[in-house]
């Protein structure tokens, strides 16, 4: 398998395992066996190993001596840390993004906002919610910042889905609507104020 094909295979495996871990189908402490994963995805051990390293790098898995790679534990203390980090980074990205968002990017954020409001289950809502917040910062022109925020939101989503999902109820998110209103008015400070309140309340 050449390098581009191997990378694509690794990305597919990583994305599938990430979804299972975040949604709780793979539980904390579950062993991620290279041979089983390779067989499931019809891949060699090289892209599987790369995918597992990616999960470790994102904090979704841990590598233990003589025990291999396992799903990372859920640390309740991490929730506060994730919120503090998101409050530090996401307003920066949103402030830079709002003046530069294209009409198509704004439409995409609005589509995701509506999916959130109309979601019938928490998994659909969570994926759209994460997509909405990433869509609003898409024009900040700082890919490393976006990557860090993406990972923080992913880790936050894992904690929410596995510890607080029973509190979720279908509803219209008025703060999402307010963020979109500020974006359309090209008001970065207004959008940031709502976002800060939103993260502080819900994470």
Foldseek 3Di string as FASTA:
>chain_A
DDDVVLQVLLVVLLVVVLLCLLLVVFDFFAADDQVVSCVVSVHDSVSVVVSLVVCVVLVQWDQDVPRGITGHHDDPVVLVVLLVVCLVQLLLLLLLQLVPDDPVLLVLLVVLLVQLLPPPADVSNLVSVLVNSLSSSVRSPDVVSSVVNSSSSSSNSSCCNVPPRVVDDRHRDVLSVQLSVCSVVSNSVSNSVSVSVVSVVPD
